[in-house]
PDB file of all heavy atoms in Angstrom:
ATOM      1  N   GLU A   1     112.091  99.521  94.036  1.00  0.00           N
ATOM      2  CA  GLU A   1     112.367  98.117  94.303  1.00  0.00           C
ATOM      3  C   GLU A   1     111.401  97.586  95.359  1.00  0.00           C
ATOM      4  O   GLU A   1     110.859  98.341  96.166  1.00  0.00           O
ATOM      5  CB  GLU A   1     113.807  97.943  94.766  1.00  0.00           C
ATOM      6  CG  GLU A   1     114.842  98.389  93.731  1.00  0.00           C
ATOM      7  CD  GLU A   1     116.258  98.277  94.243  1.00  0.00           C
ATOM      8  OE1 GLU A   1     116.430  97.810  95.399  1.00  0.00           O
ATOM      9  OE2 GLU A   1     117.186  98.653  93.510  1.00  0.00           O
ATOM     10  N   SER A   2     111.215  96.286  95.349  1.00  0.00           N
ATOM     11  CA  SER A   2     110.231  95.680  96.248  1.00  0.00           C
ATOM     12  C   SER A   2     110.571  95.924  97.712  1.00  0.00           C
ATOM     13  O   SER A   2     109.678  96.158  98.538  1.00  0.00           O
ATOM     14  CB  SER A   2     110.116  94.175  95.974  1.00  0.00           C
ATOM     15  OG  SER A   2     111.369  93.536  96.138  1.00  0.00           O
ATOM     16  N   ASP A   3     111.879  95.887  98.071  1.00  0.00           N
ATOM     17  CA  ASP A   3     112.217  96.110  99.480  1.00  0.00           C
ATOM     18  C   ASP A   3     111.969  97.562  99.881  1.00  0.00           C
ATOM     19  O   ASP A   3     111.630  97.845 101.034  1.00  0.00           O
ATOM     20  CB  ASP A   3     113.664  95.700  99.760  1.00  0.00           C
ATOM     21  CG  ASP A   3     114.666  96.456  98.907  1.00  0.00           C
ATOM     22  OD1 ASP A   3     114.247  97.073  97.909  1.00  0.00           O
ATOM     23  OD2 ASP A   3     115.870  96.429  99.229  1.00  0.00           O
ATOM     24  N   GLN A   4     112.120  98.507  98.945  1.00  0.00           N
ATOM     25  CA  GLN A   4     111.805  99.901  99.247  1.00  0.00           C
ATOM     26  C   GLN A   4     110.307 100.074  99.494  1.00  0.00           C
ATOM     27  O   GLN A   4     109.893 100.773 100.428  1.00  0.00           O
ATOM     28  CB  GLN A   4     112.250 100.801  98.090  1.00  0.00           C
ATOM     29  CG  GLN A   4     113.754 100.887  97.904  1.00  0.00           C
ATOM     30  CD  GLN A   4     114.128 101.713  96.685  1.00  0.00           C
ATOM     31  OE1 GLN A   4     113.448 101.690  95.661  1.00  0.00           O
ATOM     32  NE2 GLN A   4     115.217 102.450  96.794  1.00  0.00           N
ATOM     33  N   LYS A   5     109.493  99.427  98.662  1.00  0.00           N
ATOM     34  CA  LYS A   5     108.043  99.523  98.841  1.00  0.00           C
ATOM     35  C   LYS A   5     107.593  98.836 100.125  1.00  0.00           C
ATOM     36  O   LYS A   5     106.721  99.348 100.840  1.00  0.00           O
ATOM     37  CB  LYS A   5     107.341  98.912  97.625  1.00  0.00           C
ATOM     38  CG  LYS A   5     107.551  99.715  96.348  1.00  0.00           C
ATOM     39  CD  LYS A   5     106.734  99.187  95.194  1.00  0.00           C
ATOM     40  CE  LYS A   5     107.306  97.916  94.628  1.00  0.00           C
ATOM     41  NZ  LYS A   5     106.616  97.510  93.377  1.00  0.00           N
ATOM     42  N   ASP A   6     108.204  97.690 100.430  1.00  0.00           N
ATOM     43  CA  ASP A   6     107.853  96.992 101.670  1.00  0.00           C
ATOM     44  C   ASP A   6     108.211  97.835 102.893  1.00  0.00           C
ATOM     45  O   ASP A   6     107.452  97.890 103.876  1.00  0.00           O
ATOM     46  CB  ASP A   6     108.572  95.642 101.736  1.00  0.00           C
ATOM     47  CG  ASP A   6     108.042  94.648 100.715  1.00  0.00           C
ATOM     48  OD1 ASP A   6     106.931  94.879 100.187  1.00  0.00           O
ATOM     49  OD2 ASP A   6     108.749  93.662 100.431  1.00  0.00           O
ATOM     50  N   LEU A   7     109.376  98.493 102.839  1.00  0.00           N
ATOM     51  CA  LEU A   7     109.796  99.334 103.960  1.00  0.00           C
ATOM     52  C   LEU A   7     108.830 100.501 104.134  1.00  0.00           C
ATOM     53  O   LEU A   7     108.391 100.797 105.256  1.00  0.00           O
ATOM     54  CB  LEU A   7     111.216  99.842 103.731  1.00  0.00           C
ATOM     55  CG  LEU A   7     111.777 100.798 104.791  1.00  0.00           C
ATOM     56  CD1 LEU A   7     111.810 100.137 106.159  1.00  0.00           C
ATOM     57  CD2 LEU A   7     113.167 101.285 104.401  1.00  0.00           C
ATOM     58  N   ALA A   8     108.482 101.172 103.037  1.00  0.00           N
ATOM     59  CA  ALA A   8     107.568 102.315 103.123  1.00  0.00           C
ATOM     60  C   ALA A   8     106.210 101.897 103.665  1.00  0.00           C
ATOM     61  O   ALA A   8     105.636 102.556 104.542  1.00  0.00           O
ATOM     62  CB  ALA A   8     107.420 102.958 101.749  1.00  0.00           C
ATOM     63  N   SER A   9     105.683 100.789 103.167  1.00  0.00           N
ATOM     64  CA  SER A   9     104.384 100.309 103.626  1.00  0.00           C
ATOM     65  C   SER A   9     104.427  99.921 105.104  1.00  0.00           C
ATOM     66  O   SER A   9     103.507 100.216 105.876  1.00  0.00           O
ATOM     67  CB  SER A   9     103.935  99.123 102.772  1.00  0.00           C
ATOM     68  OG  SER A   9     102.669  98.658 103.168  1.00  0.00           O
ATOM     69  N   GLY A  10     105.518  99.272 105.505  1.00  0.00           N
ATOM     70  CA  GLY A  10     105.654  98.876 106.906  1.00  0.00           C
ATOM     71  C   GLY A  10     105.753 100.061 107.843  1.00  0.00           C
ATOM     72  O   GLY A  10     105.165 100.065 108.931  1.00  0.00           O
ATOM     73  N   ILE A  11     106.504 101.093 107.432  1.00  0.00           N
ATOM     74  CA  ILE A  11     106.649 102.285 108.261  1.00  0.00           C
ATOM     75  C   ILE A  11     105.301 102.953 108.495  1.00  0.00           C
ATOM     76  O   ILE A  11     104.994 103.421 109.600  1.00  0.00           O
ATOM     77  CB  ILE A  11     107.635 103.261 107.599  1.00  0.00           C
ATOM     78  CG1 ILE A  11     109.062 102.714 107.699  1.00  0.00           C
ATOM     79  CG2 ILE A  11     107.546 104.646 108.227  1.00  0.00           C
ATOM     80  CD1 ILE A  11     110.058 103.456 106.854  1.00  0.00           C
ATOM     81  N   LEU A  12     104.478 102.986 107.463  1.00  0.00           N
ATOM     82  CA  LEU A  12     103.199 103.689 107.570  1.00  0.00           C
ATOM     83  C   LEU A  12     102.102 102.853 108.215  1.00  0.00           C
ATOM     84  O   LEU A  12     101.267 103.381 108.957  1.00  0.00           O
ATOM     85  CB  LEU A  12     102.740 104.134 106.180  1.00  0.00           C
ATOM     86  CG  LEU A  12     103.544 105.256 105.529  1.00  0.00           C
ATOM     87  CD1 LEU A  12     103.109 105.441 104.085  1.00  0.00           C
ATOM     88  CD2 LEU A  12     103.387 106.554 106.302  1.00  0.00           C
ATOM     89  N   TYR A  13     102.102 101.530 107.965  1.00  0.00           N
ATOM     90  CA  TYR A  13     100.898 100.760 108.296  1.00  0.00           C
ATOM     91  C   TYR A  13     101.121  99.526 109.173  1.00  0.00           C
ATOM     92  O   TYR A  13     100.150  98.947 109.635  1.00  0.00           O
ATOM     93  CB  TYR A  13     100.196 100.347 106.991  1.00  0.00           C
ATOM     94  CG  TYR A  13      99.766 101.545 106.185  1.00  0.00           C
ATOM     95  CD1 TYR A  13     100.367 101.846 104.973  1.00  0.00           C
ATOM     96  CD2 TYR A  13      98.775 102.394 106.660  1.00  0.00           C
ATOM     97  CE1 TYR A  13      99.987 102.968 104.231  1.00  0.00           C
ATOM     98  CE2 TYR A  13      98.386 103.513 105.930  1.00  0.00           C
ATOM     99  CZ  TYR A  13      98.996 103.786 104.717  1.00  0.00           C
ATOM    100  OH  TYR A  13      98.613 104.894 104.010  1.00  0.00           O
ATOM    101  N   GLU A  14     102.353  99.100 109.411  1.00  0.00           N
ATOM    102  CA  GLU A  14     102.559  97.976 110.328  1.00  0.00           C
ATOM    103  C   GLU A  14     102.248  98.422 111.758  1.00  0.00           C
ATOM    104  O   GLU A  14     102.603  99.540 112.152  1.00  0.00           O
ATOM    105  CB  GLU A  14     103.991  97.467 110.249  1.00  0.00           C
ATOM    106  CG  GLU A  14     104.274  96.607 109.023  1.00  0.00           C
ATOM    107  CD  GLU A  14     103.486  95.316 109.041  1.00  0.00           C
ATOM    108  OE1 GLU A  14     103.303  94.738 110.124  1.00  0.00           O
ATOM    109  OE2 GLU A  14     103.031  94.889 107.958  1.00  0.00           O
ATOM    110  N   PRO A  15     101.604  97.572 112.565  1.00  0.00           N
ATOM    111  CA  PRO A  15     101.213  97.984 113.927  1.00  0.00           C
ATOM    112  C   PRO A  15     102.400  98.372 114.796  1.00  0.00           C
ATOM    113  O   PRO A  15     102.328  99.331 115.564  1.00  0.00           O
ATOM    114  CB  PRO A  15     100.493  96.745 114.476  1.00  0.00           C
ATOM    115  CG  PRO A  15     100.071  95.974 113.266  1.00  0.00           C
ATOM    116  CD  PRO A  15     101.106  96.231 112.223  1.00  0.00           C
ATOM    117  N   SER A  16     103.512  97.619 114.720  1.00  0.00           N
ATOM    118  CA  SER A  16     104.640  97.908 115.597  1.00  0.00           C
ATOM    119  C   SER A  16     105.902  97.290 115.040  1.00  0.00           C
ATOM    120  O   SER A  16     105.875  96.243 114.398  1.00  0.00           O
ATOM    121  CB  SER A  16     104.383  97.364 117.007  1.00  0.00           C
ATOM    122  OG  SER A  16     105.500  97.589 117.850  1.00  0.00           O
ATOM    123  N   PHE A  17     107.033  97.963 115.275  1.00  0.00           N
ATOM    124  CA  PHE A  17     108.343  97.413 114.966  1.00  0.00           C
ATOM    125  C   PHE A  17     108.956  96.705 116.176  1.00  0.00           C
ATOM    126  O   PHE A  17     110.050  96.169 116.096  1.00  0.00           O
ATOM    127  CB  PHE A  17     109.302  98.529 114.537  1.00  0.00           C
ATOM    128  CG  PHE A  17     109.094  99.006 113.127  1.00  0.00           C
ATOM    129  CD1 PHE A  17     108.100  98.470 112.330  1.00  0.00           C
ATOM    130  CD2 PHE A  17     109.921  99.981 112.593  1.00  0.00           C
ATOM    131  CE1 PHE A  17     107.910  98.903 111.026  1.00  0.00           C
ATOM    132  CE2 PHE A  17     109.747 100.434 111.294  1.00  0.00           C
ATOM    133  CZ  PHE A  17     108.733  99.893 110.507  1.00  0.00           C
ATOM    134  N   ILE A  18     108.264  96.715 117.296  1.00  0.00           N
ATOM    135  CA  ILE A  18     108.815  96.226 118.551  1.00  0.00           C
ATOM    136  C   ILE A  18     108.392  94.776 118.783  1.00  0.00           C
ATOM    137  O   ILE A  18     107.236  94.406 118.568  1.00  0.00           O
ATOM    138  CB  ILE A  18     108.348  97.085 119.734  1.00  0.00           C
ATOM    139  CG1 ILE A  18     108.724  98.553 119.497  1.00  0.00           C
ATOM    140  CG2 ILE A  18     108.924  96.583 121.036  1.00  0.00           C
ATOM    141  CD1 ILE A  18     110.209  98.795 119.387  1.00  0.00           C
ATOM    142  N   ILE A  19     109.349  93.947 119.229  1.00  0.00           N
ATOM    143  CA  ILE A  19     109.053  92.568 119.606  1.00  0.00           C
ATOM    144  C   ILE A  19     108.660  92.560 121.075  1.00  0.00           C
ATOM    145  O   ILE A  19     109.480  92.808 121.962  1.00  0.00           O
ATOM    146  CB  ILE A  19     110.271  91.661 119.366  1.00  0.00           C
ATOM    147  CG1 ILE A  19     110.687  91.707 117.886  1.00  0.00           C
ATOM    148  CG2 ILE A  19     109.967  90.229 119.784  1.00  0.00           C
ATOM    149  CD1 ILE A  19     111.957  90.951 117.584  1.00  0.00           C
ATOM    150  N   ASP A  20     107.380  92.301 121.342  1.00  0.00           N
ATOM    151  CA  ASP A  20     106.852  92.426 122.702  1.00  0.00           C
ATOM    152  C   ASP A  20     107.565  91.543 123.705  1.00  0.00           C
ATOM    153  O   ASP A  20     107.743  91.917 124.870  1.00  0.00           O
ATOM    154  CB  ASP A  20     105.350  92.104 122.709  1.00  0.00           C
ATOM    155  CG  ASP A  20     104.524  93.189 122.013  1.00  0.00           C
ATOM    156  OD1 ASP A  20     105.017  94.323 121.917  1.00  0.00           O
ATOM    157  OD2 ASP A  20     103.406  92.882 121.567  1.00  0.00           O
ATOM    158  N   SER A  21     107.992  90.358 123.286  1.00  0.00           N
ATOM    159  CA  SER A  21     108.631  89.427 124.220  1.00  0.00           C
ATOM    160  C   SER A  21     109.970  89.947 124.730  1.00  0.00           C
ATOM    161  O   SER A  21     110.487  89.450 125.733  1.00  0.00           O
ATOM    162  CB  SER A  21     108.819  88.061 123.550  1.00  0.00           C
ATOM    163  OG  SER A  21     109.661  88.183 122.410  1.00  0.00           O
ATOM    164  N   LEU A  22     110.544  90.957 124.065  1.00  0.00           N
ATOM    165  CA  LEU A  22     111.833  91.498 124.484  1.00  0.00           C
ATOM    166  C   LEU A  22     111.699  92.721 125.388  1.00  0.00           C
ATOM    167  O   LEU A  22     112.695  93.271 125.837  1.00  0.00           O
ATOM    168  CB  LEU A  22     112.660  91.887 123.247  1.00  0.00           C
ATOM    169  CG  LEU A  22     112.971  90.762 122.254  1.00  0.00           C
ATOM    170  CD1 LEU A  22     113.799  91.308 121.089  1.00  0.00           C
ATOM    171  CD2 LEU A  22     113.733  89.634 122.952  1.00  0.00           C
ATOM    172  N   ILE A  23     110.476  93.146 125.670  1.00  0.00           N
ATOM    173  CA  ILE A  23     110.270  94.381 126.421  1.00  0.00           C
ATOM    174  C   ILE A  23     110.211  94.142 127.922  1.00  0.00           C
ATOM    175  O   ILE A  23     110.820  94.853 128.704  1.00  0.00           O
ATOM    176  CB  ILE A  23     108.965  95.071 125.956  1.00  0.00           C
ATOM    177  CG1 ILE A  23     109.084  95.434 124.474  1.00  0.00           C
ATOM    178  CG2 ILE A  23     108.698  96.314 126.789  1.00  0.00           C
ATOM    179  CD1 ILE A  23     107.798  96.000 123.908  1.00  0.00           C
ATOM    180  N   GLY A  24     109.483  93.140 128.337  1.00  0.00           N
ATOM    181  CA  GLY A  24     109.241  92.951 129.760  1.00  0.00           C
ATOM    182  C   GLY A  24     107.937  93.607 130.162  1.00  0.00           C
ATOM    183  O   GLY A  24     107.209  94.176 129.355  1.00  0.00           O
ATOM    184  N   GLU A  25     107.628  93.563 131.444  1.00  0.00           N
ATOM    185  CA  GLU A  25     106.339  94.053 131.935  1.00  0.00           C
ATOM    186  C   GLU A  25     106.402  95.464 132.502  1.00  0.00           C
ATOM    187  O   GLU A  25     105.385  96.006 132.922  1.00  0.00           O
ATOM    188  CB  GLU A  25     105.819  93.090 133.009  1.00  0.00           C
ATOM    189  CG  GLU A  25     105.581  91.669 132.488  1.00  0.00           C
ATOM    190  CD  GLU A  25     105.057  90.755 133.572  1.00  0.00           C
ATOM    191  OE1 GLU A  25     104.913  91.242 134.719  1.00  0.00           O
ATOM    192  OE2 GLU A  25     104.795  89.580 133.271  1.00  0.00           O
ATOM    193  N   SER A  26     107.551  96.073 132.539  1.00  0.00           N
ATOM    194  CA  SER A  26     107.685  97.408 133.104  1.00  0.00           C
ATOM    195  C   SER A  26     106.970  98.437 132.236  1.00  0.00           C
ATOM    196  O   SER A  26     107.082  98.439 131.012  1.00  0.00           O
ATOM    197  CB  SER A  26     109.165  97.779 133.222  1.00  0.00           C
ATOM    198  OG  SER A  26     109.320  99.148 133.488  1.00  0.00           O
ATOM    199  N   GLY A  27     106.217  99.345 132.906  1.00  0.00           N
ATOM    200  CA  GLY A  27     105.561 100.415 132.182  1.00  0.00           C
ATOM    201  C   GLY A  27     106.550 101.366 131.539  1.00  0.00           C
ATOM    202  O   GLY A  27     106.330 101.870 130.435  1.00  0.00           O
ATOM    203  N   PHE A  28     107.679 101.595 132.236  1.00  0.00           N
ATOM    204  CA  PHE A  28     108.720 102.445 131.670  1.00  0.00           C
ATOM    205  C   PHE A  28     109.306 101.812 130.420  1.00  0.00           C
ATOM    206  O   PHE A  28     109.546 102.492 129.413  1.00  0.00           O
ATOM    207  CB  PHE A  28     109.817 102.686 132.709  1.00  0.00           C
ATOM    208  CG  PHE A  28     110.990 103.456 132.167  1.00  0.00           C
ATOM    209  CD1 PHE A  28     110.940 104.839 132.056  1.00  0.00           C
ATOM    210  CD2 PHE A  28     112.143 102.790 131.771  1.00  0.00           C
ATOM    211  CE1 PHE A  28     112.019 105.544 131.545  1.00  0.00           C
ATOM    212  CE2 PHE A  28     113.223 103.484 131.266  1.00  0.00           C
ATOM    213  CZ  PHE A  28     113.160 104.875 131.157  1.00  0.00           C
ATOM    214  N   ALA A  29     109.550 100.493 130.475  1.00  0.00           N
ATOM    215  CA  ALA A  29     110.094  99.798 129.313  1.00  0.00           C
ATOM    216  C   ALA A  29     109.132  99.867 128.137  1.00  0.00           C
ATOM    217  O   ALA A  29     109.540 100.020 126.984  1.00  0.00           O
ATOM    218  CB  ALA A  29     110.398  98.343 129.671  1.00  0.00           C
ATOM    219  N   ARG A  30     107.835  99.754 128.435  1.00  0.00           N
ATOM    220  CA  ARG A  30     106.834  99.838 127.374  1.00  0.00           C
ATOM    221  C   ARG A  30     106.834 101.219 126.726  1.00  0.00           C
ATOM    222  O   ARG A  30     106.791 101.366 125.505  1.00  0.00           O
ATOM    223  CB  ARG A  30     105.455  99.550 127.960  1.00  0.00           C
ATOM    224  CG  ARG A  30     104.277  99.654 127.017  1.00  0.00           C
ATOM    225  CD  ARG A  30     104.215  98.458 126.085  1.00  0.00           C
ATOM    226  NE  ARG A  30     104.740  98.735 124.761  1.00  0.00           N
ATOM    227  CZ  ARG A  30     104.810  97.830 123.808  1.00  0.00           C
ATOM    228  NH1 ARG A  30     104.429  96.590 124.044  1.00  0.00           N
ATOM    229  NH2 ARG A  30     105.300  98.135 122.629  1.00  0.00           N
ATOM    230  N   ALA A  31     106.895 102.264 127.544  1.00  0.00           N
ATOM    231  CA  ALA A  31     106.905 103.633 127.024  1.00  0.00           C
ATOM    232  C   ALA A  31     108.166 103.897 126.209  1.00  0.00           C
ATOM    233  O   ALA A  31     108.124 104.528 125.144  1.00  0.00           O
ATOM    234  CB  ALA A  31     106.797 104.635 128.173  1.00  0.00           C
ATOM    235  N   TYR A  32     109.300 103.386 126.711  1.00  0.00           N
ATOM    236  CA  TYR A  32     110.563 103.556 125.998  1.00  0.00           C
ATOM    237  C   TYR A  32     110.512 102.840 124.655  1.00  0.00           C
ATOM    238  O   TYR A  32     110.966 103.363 123.634  1.00  0.00           O
ATOM    239  CB  TYR A  32     111.703 103.012 126.860  1.00  0.00           C
ATOM    240  CG  TYR A  32     113.065 103.150 126.246  1.00  0.00           C
ATOM    241  CD1 TYR A  32     113.771 104.344 126.356  1.00  0.00           C
ATOM    242  CD2 TYR A  32     113.660 102.083 125.575  1.00  0.00           C
ATOM    243  CE1 TYR A  32     115.032 104.476 125.793  1.00  0.00           C
ATOM    244  CE2 TYR A  32     114.923 102.212 125.014  1.00  0.00           C
ATOM    245  CZ  TYR A  32     115.609 103.406 125.130  1.00  0.00           C
ATOM    246  OH  TYR A  32     116.843 103.533 124.576  1.00  0.00           O
ATOM    247  N   ALA A  33     109.948 101.634 124.646  1.00  0.00           N
ATOM    248  CA  ALA A  33     109.845 100.869 123.409  1.00  0.00           C
ATOM    249  C   ALA A  33     108.937 101.554 122.400  1.00  0.00           C
ATOM    250  O   ALA A  33     109.229 101.597 121.205  1.00  0.00           O
ATOM    251  CB  ALA A  33     109.344  99.455 123.712  1.00  0.00           C
ATOM    252  N   ASP A  34     107.823 102.104 122.874  1.00  0.00           N
ATOM    253  CA  ASP A  34     106.901 102.804 121.972  1.00  0.00           C
ATOM    254  C   ASP A  34     107.562 104.026 121.364  1.00  0.00           C
ATOM    255  O   ASP A  34     107.388 104.318 120.171  1.00  0.00           O
ATOM    256  CB  ASP A  34     105.637 103.212 122.723  1.00  0.00           C
ATOM    257  CG  ASP A  34     104.755 102.020 123.070  1.00  0.00           C
ATOM    258  OD1 ASP A  34     104.940 100.952 122.450  1.00  0.00           O
ATOM    259  OD2 ASP A  34     103.896 102.154 123.970  1.00  0.00           O
ATOM    260  N   GLN A  35     108.326 104.765 122.164  1.00  0.00           N
ATOM    261  CA  GLN A  35     109.025 105.930 121.626  1.00  0.00           C
ATOM    262  C   GLN A  35     110.094 105.500 120.633  1.00  0.00           C
ATOM    263  O   GLN A  35     110.298 106.152 119.594  1.00  0.00           O
ATOM    264  CB  GLN A  35     109.647 106.741 122.768  1.00  0.00           C
ATOM    265  CG  GLN A  35     110.405 107.984 122.321  1.00  0.00           C
ATOM    266  CD  GLN A  35     109.510 109.021 121.659  1.00  0.00           C
ATOM    267  OE1 GLN A  35     108.284 108.948 121.766  1.00  0.00           O
ATOM    268  NE2 GLN A  35     110.117 109.981 120.981  1.00  0.00           N
TER     269      GLN A  35
END
């Protein structure tokens, strides 16, 4: 299905699942978000 293919493609090739505006400027928050 199209949503399955979109999910697979996003998992492999989208730059990030994280919304940067919700992280803040803390280095710890950035590392936690990346993990």
